[in-house]
């Protein structure tokens, strides 16, 4: 099979990753009409412990037939948070991004607590690409600017009539990269991961983050971000066939300081 001259990768590897994105986004998009999105999106802390997740949040498979990561609202002191438990599983808890203008409210803040590292995980290697903690953002954009291989794969992977994300940016906990490092997904450069935490010193305690999402996107993709399609949390351990455990606080969008 011929290799992509720009990336050196065979097209079927990129296609496999985009098919996974198709499954995730199609599931969200097909249900999106009923989602009340935007800055008033119900927060994790507003949902009662042990009850259903806040309205509009959906646990979506990353790849068909993969086991789902379990997400549940639990009490943590005076605040409720979402507990994520992965056992050789991969799914994301996602919300439609309609109503959120990342240029007007570019600052995104969240908290998470990672219980332990995933043994053998390496975000640079496809067969080991797992993470206990991720915050995920799907963006729209002008797909006509993309290389032919990316456009062809997206066209083939289109599911349920839904367009696929133009670009994905993740903030991740990684034991294979240091904070501030940007790691390209091993299948496609349309998914970029910015390491914000990692290492034994960050385990077992709450960490708070505040990032300028618009600025990070522009620095990594060399253009201003388009419409935010969806966002959410993602704990997975399917590639390493291991387990992962984390907790997530509210995700908030705020104006630039």
Protein backbone atom coordinates (compact mmCIF):
# COMPACT_ATOMS: atom_id res chain seq x y z
CA UNK A 1 0.00 0.00 0.00
CA UNK A 2 1.44 3.45 -0.93
CA UNK A 3 2.48 5.71 1.91
CA UNK A 4 1.36 9.30 2.49
CA UNK A 5 4.31 11.46 1.42
CA UNK A 6 3.58 14.11 4.04
CA UNK A 7 3.27 11.82 7.06
CA UNK A 8 4.99 8.63 5.92
CA UNK A 9 1.98 6.65 7.14
CA UNK A 10 -0.13 4.19 5.20
CA UNK A 11 -3.66 5.50 4.54
CA UNK A 12 -5.37 2.62 6.32
CA UNK A 13 -3.84 3.66 9.68
CA UNK A 14 -5.21 7.18 9.39
CA UNK A 15 -8.55 5.80 8.22
CA UNK A 16 -8.81 3.56 11.29
CA UNK A 17 -8.44 6.52 13.65
CA UNK A 18 -10.93 8.65 11.73
CA UNK A 19 -13.46 5.81 11.73
CA UNK A 20 -13.17 5.83 15.53
CA UNK A 21 -13.82 9.59 15.53
CA UNK A 22 -16.78 8.95 13.23
CA UNK A 23 -18.38 6.54 15.66
CA UNK A 24 -17.95 8.99 18.54
CA UNK A 25 -19.15 12.08 16.71
CA UNK A 26 -22.00 10.36 14.86
CA UNK A 27 -23.37 9.08 18.17
CA UNK A 28 -23.22 12.60 19.60
CA UNK A 29 -24.51 14.32 16.49
CA UNK A 30 -27.50 12.06 15.99
CA UNK A 31 -28.65 12.84 19.53
CA UNK A 32 -27.57 16.46 19.46
CA UNK A 33 -30.94 17.90 18.54
CA UNK A 34 -32.24 17.13 22.00
CA UNK A 35 -29.23 18.54 23.85
CA UNK A 36 -29.47 21.88 25.62
CA UNK A 37 -25.89 23.07 25.13
CA UNK A 38 -23.89 26.17 25.86
CA UNK A 39 -22.56 28.04 28.88
CA UNK A 40 -25.63 26.97 30.91
CA UNK A 41 -24.82 23.29 30.40
CA UNK A 42 -25.54 21.39 33.65
CA UNK A 43 -22.34 20.90 35.62
CA UNK A 44 -21.18 17.65 37.15
CA UNK A 45 -21.42 19.27 40.58
CA UNK A 46 -25.13 19.96 40.02
CA UNK A 47 -26.05 16.31 39.48
CA UNK A 48 -26.98 14.24 42.55
CA UNK A 49 -24.52 11.56 43.54
CA UNK A 50 -25.45 8.12 42.26
CA UNK A 51 -28.08 9.51 39.88
CA UNK A 52 -28.04 9.77 36.11
CA UNK A 53 -25.44 12.06 34.59
CA UNK A 54 -26.37 15.71 34.00
CA UNK A 55 -28.72 16.33 31.08
CA UNK A 56 -27.02 16.35 27.71
CA UNK A 57 -23.95 14.34 28.70
CA UNK A 58 -23.56 11.04 26.87
CA UNK A 59 -21.21 8.09 27.35
CA UNK A 60 -20.13 7.39 23.77
CA UNK A 61 -18.06 4.50 22.42
CA UNK A 62 -14.83 5.43 20.67
CA UNK A 63 -14.90 2.29 18.53
CA UNK A 64 -17.86 -0.01 17.91
CA UNK A 65 -17.92 -3.07 20.17
CA UNK A 66 -15.34 -1.62 22.58
CA UNK A 67 -16.19 -1.88 26.25
CA UNK A 68 -17.44 1.39 27.74
CA UNK A 69 -15.57 3.25 30.43
CA UNK A 70 -17.91 3.71 33.38
CA UNK A 71 -18.74 7.29 34.36
CA UNK A 72 -20.81 7.99 37.48
CA UNK A 73 -21.52 11.04 39.66
CA UNK A 74 -20.09 10.63 43.17
CA UNK A 75 -19.69 12.86 46.21
CA UNK A 76 -16.25 14.26 46.93
CA UNK A 77 -16.42 16.31 50.10
CA UNK A 78 -18.86 19.16 49.52
CA UNK A 79 -18.88 18.81 45.72
CA UNK A 80 -20.08 16.15 43.34
CA UNK A 81 -17.72 14.99 40.61
CA UNK A 82 -17.62 12.32 37.92
CA UNK A 83 -15.71 9.13 38.65
CA UNK A 84 -14.25 7.35 35.60
CA UNK A 85 -13.33 3.67 35.74
CA UNK A 86 -11.77 1.96 32.74
CA UNK A 87 -11.06 -1.77 32.51
CA UNK A 88 -9.69 -2.51 29.03
CA UNK A 89 -12.27 0.01 27.80
CA UNK A 90 -12.57 3.24 25.84
CA UNK A 91 -15.48 5.66 25.77
CA UNK A 92 -15.88 9.38 26.27
CA UNK A 93 -18.42 11.38 28.26
CA UNK A 94 -19.29 14.11 25.79
CA UNK A 95 -21.52 17.15 25.44
CA UNK A 96 -22.60 19.08 22.36
CA UNK A 97 -20.64 22.33 22.01
CA UNK A 98 -23.39 24.48 20.48
CA UNK A 99 -23.65 27.88 22.15
CA UNK A 100 -20.03 27.99 23.32
CA UNK A 101 -17.91 30.59 21.51
CA UNK A 102 -14.29 29.73 22.24
CA UNK A 103 -13.11 33.11 20.89
CA UNK A 104 -15.38 34.99 23.32
CA UNK A 105 -14.81 32.57 26.22
CA UNK A 106 -11.42 31.03 25.44
CA UNK A 107 -10.42 30.13 28.99
CA UNK A 108 -11.30 26.58 29.96
CA UNK A 109 -10.88 25.42 33.55
CA UNK A 110 -11.29 21.99 35.13
CA UNK A 111 -10.10 19.74 37.94
CA UNK A 112 -9.13 16.10 37.88
CA UNK A 113 -7.58 13.50 40.12
CA UNK A 114 -5.71 10.54 38.63
CA UNK A 115 -5.44 7.48 40.83
CA UNK A 116 -2.51 5.80 39.10
CA UNK A 117 -0.50 5.67 35.89
CA UNK A 118 -1.31 3.05 33.25
CA UNK A 119 1.62 0.59 33.09
CA UNK A 120 3.24 0.63 29.67
CA UNK A 121 1.11 3.44 28.23
CA UNK A 122 2.83 5.62 25.63
CA UNK A 123 0.82 8.26 23.80
CA UNK A 124 3.28 8.24 20.90
CA UNK A 125 2.67 4.54 20.11
CA UNK A 126 -0.63 3.33 18.65
CA UNK A 127 -0.67 0.01 20.50
CA UNK A 128 -0.04 1.78 23.84
CA UNK A 129 -2.00 5.02 23.34
CA UNK A 130 -4.02 5.22 26.57
CA UNK A 131 -4.44 7.90 29.24
CA UNK A 132 -6.14 7.97 32.64
CA UNK A 133 -7.17 11.60 32.21
CA UNK A 134 -8.13 13.62 29.13
CA UNK A 135 -10.23 16.69 28.37
CA UNK A 136 -11.34 16.51 24.73
CA UNK A 137 -12.47 19.22 22.28
CA UNK A 138 -13.84 18.62 18.74
CA UNK A 139 -13.64 21.56 16.30
CA UNK A 140 -15.15 22.30 12.91
CA UNK A 141 -13.14 23.97 10.14
CA UNK A 142 -12.57 24.31 6.43
CA UNK A 143 -11.87 20.73 5.34
CA UNK A 144 -11.05 21.86 1.80
CA UNK A 145 -7.68 23.08 3.15
CA UNK A 146 -6.68 19.60 4.31
CA UNK A 147 -4.44 17.25 2.31
CA UNK A 148 -6.23 14.87 -0.03
CA UNK A 149 -5.53 11.83 2.17
CA UNK A 150 -7.24 13.42 5.17
CA UNK A 151 -10.22 14.58 3.13
CA UNK A 152 -10.65 11.17 1.48
CA UNK A 153 -10.48 9.32 4.79
CA UNK A 154 -13.01 11.70 6.37
CA UNK A 155 -15.37 11.23 3.44
CA UNK A 156 -15.16 7.45 3.67
CA UNK A 157 -15.61 7.47 7.42
CA UNK A 158 -18.66 9.72 7.44
CA UNK A 159 -21.34 8.05 9.57
CA UNK A 160 -25.06 8.71 9.79
CA UNK A 161 -24.77 11.81 7.61
CA UNK A 162 -22.70 13.61 10.22
CA UNK A 163 -19.56 15.53 9.27
CA UNK A 164 -16.47 14.49 11.20
CA UNK A 165 -14.41 16.88 13.32
CA UNK A 166 -11.97 19.03 11.41
CA UNK A 167 -9.56 18.90 14.35
CA UNK A 168 -9.37 17.50 17.86
CA UNK A 169 -7.39 18.95 20.76
CA UNK A 170 -6.91 17.04 24.00
CA UNK A 171 -5.36 18.01 27.32
CA UNK A 172 -3.96 14.80 28.77
CA UNK A 173 -2.28 13.20 31.77
CA UNK A 174 0.69 11.30 30.34
CA UNK A 175 3.54 9.21 31.68
CA UNK A 176 5.27 9.31 28.29
CA UNK A 177 5.55 13.08 27.85
CA UNK A 178 6.33 16.06 30.03
CA UNK A 179 3.97 18.97 30.78
CA UNK A 180 3.87 21.38 27.85
CA UNK A 181 4.77 18.72 25.28
CA UNK A 182 2.48 18.32 22.29
CA UNK A 183 2.05 14.72 21.12
CA UNK A 184 0.54 13.97 17.72
CA UNK A 185 -1.81 11.02 17.69
CA UNK A 186 0.11 8.10 16.14
CA UNK A 187 -2.59 7.69 13.46
CA UNK A 188 -3.33 11.26 12.35
CA UNK A 189 -2.14 14.82 12.83
CA UNK A 190 -5.78 15.94 13.05
CA UNK A 191 -5.72 14.80 16.68
CA UNK A 192 -3.18 16.61 18.87
CA UNK A 193 -2.57 16.02 22.58
CA UNK A 194 -1.14 18.66 24.92
CA UNK A 195 0.36 17.16 28.07
CA UNK A 196 -0.64 19.12 31.18
CA UNK A 197 0.30 16.63 33.92
CA UNK A 198 2.05 13.37 34.60
CA UNK A 199 4.43 11.60 36.94
CA UNK A 200 4.12 10.08 40.40
CA UNK A 201 4.02 13.47 42.15
CA UNK A 202 0.66 14.29 40.51
CA UNK A 203 -1.08 11.04 41.46
CA UNK A 204 -3.81 10.72 44.06
CA UNK A 205 -4.55 14.41 44.49
CA UNK A 206 -6.78 17.00 42.89
CA UNK A 207 -5.13 19.21 40.29
CA UNK A 208 -6.70 22.39 38.91
CA UNK A 209 -6.04 23.72 35.42
CA UNK A 210 -6.84 26.84 33.45
CA UNK A 211 -5.90 26.99 29.77
CA UNK A 212 -6.55 29.43 26.95
CA UNK A 213 -8.12 26.93 24.59
CA UNK A 214 -8.19 29.31 21.61
CA UNK A 215 -4.51 30.21 22.03
CA UNK A 216 -3.46 26.58 22.47
CA UNK A 217 -5.40 25.59 19.36
CA UNK A 218 -3.85 28.40 17.31
CA UNK A 219 -0.34 27.54 18.48
CA UNK A 220 -0.76 23.86 17.66
CA UNK A 221 -2.81 24.03 14.44
CA UNK A 222 -1.45 27.40 13.19
CA UNK A 223 -4.91 28.90 12.65
CA UNK A 224 -7.75 30.24 14.75
CA UNK A 225 -10.23 27.66 16.01
CA UNK A 226 -13.53 27.16 14.24
CA UNK A 227 -16.81 26.23 15.88
CA UNK A 228 -16.60 23.99 18.93
CA UNK A 229 -18.58 20.87 18.00
CA UNK A 230 -18.33 18.95 21.25
CA UNK A 231 -16.26 18.58 24.41
CA UNK A 232 -15.93 16.18 27.29
CA UNK A 233 -13.81 13.80 29.34
CA UNK A 234 -12.10 10.61 28.25
CA UNK A 235 -10.44 7.88 30.31
CA UNK A 236 -9.26 4.83 28.37
CA UNK A 237 -7.08 1.74 28.78
CA UNK A 238 -8.12 -0.44 25.83
CA UNK A 239 -4.83 -0.44 23.94
CA UNK A 240 -2.75 -1.59 26.90
CA UNK A 241 -5.57 -3.89 28.12
CA UNK A 242 -5.02 -2.41 31.57
CA UNK A 243 -7.16 -0.34 33.93
CA UNK A 244 -7.45 3.35 34.76
CA UNK A 245 -9.24 5.35 37.44
CA UNK A 246 -9.80 9.11 37.66
CA UNK A 247 -12.21 11.77 38.89
CA UNK A 248 -13.27 14.96 37.07
CA UNK A 249 -14.68 18.22 38.34
CA UNK A 250 -16.70 20.78 36.36
CA UNK A 251 -15.52 22.03 32.98
CA UNK A 252 -16.10 25.79 32.70
CA UNK A 253 -15.63 28.29 29.86
CA UNK A 254 -14.71 31.88 30.82
CA UNK A 255 -13.63 35.12 29.09
CA UNK A 256 -9.93 35.80 28.76
CA UNK A 257 -8.37 37.51 31.74
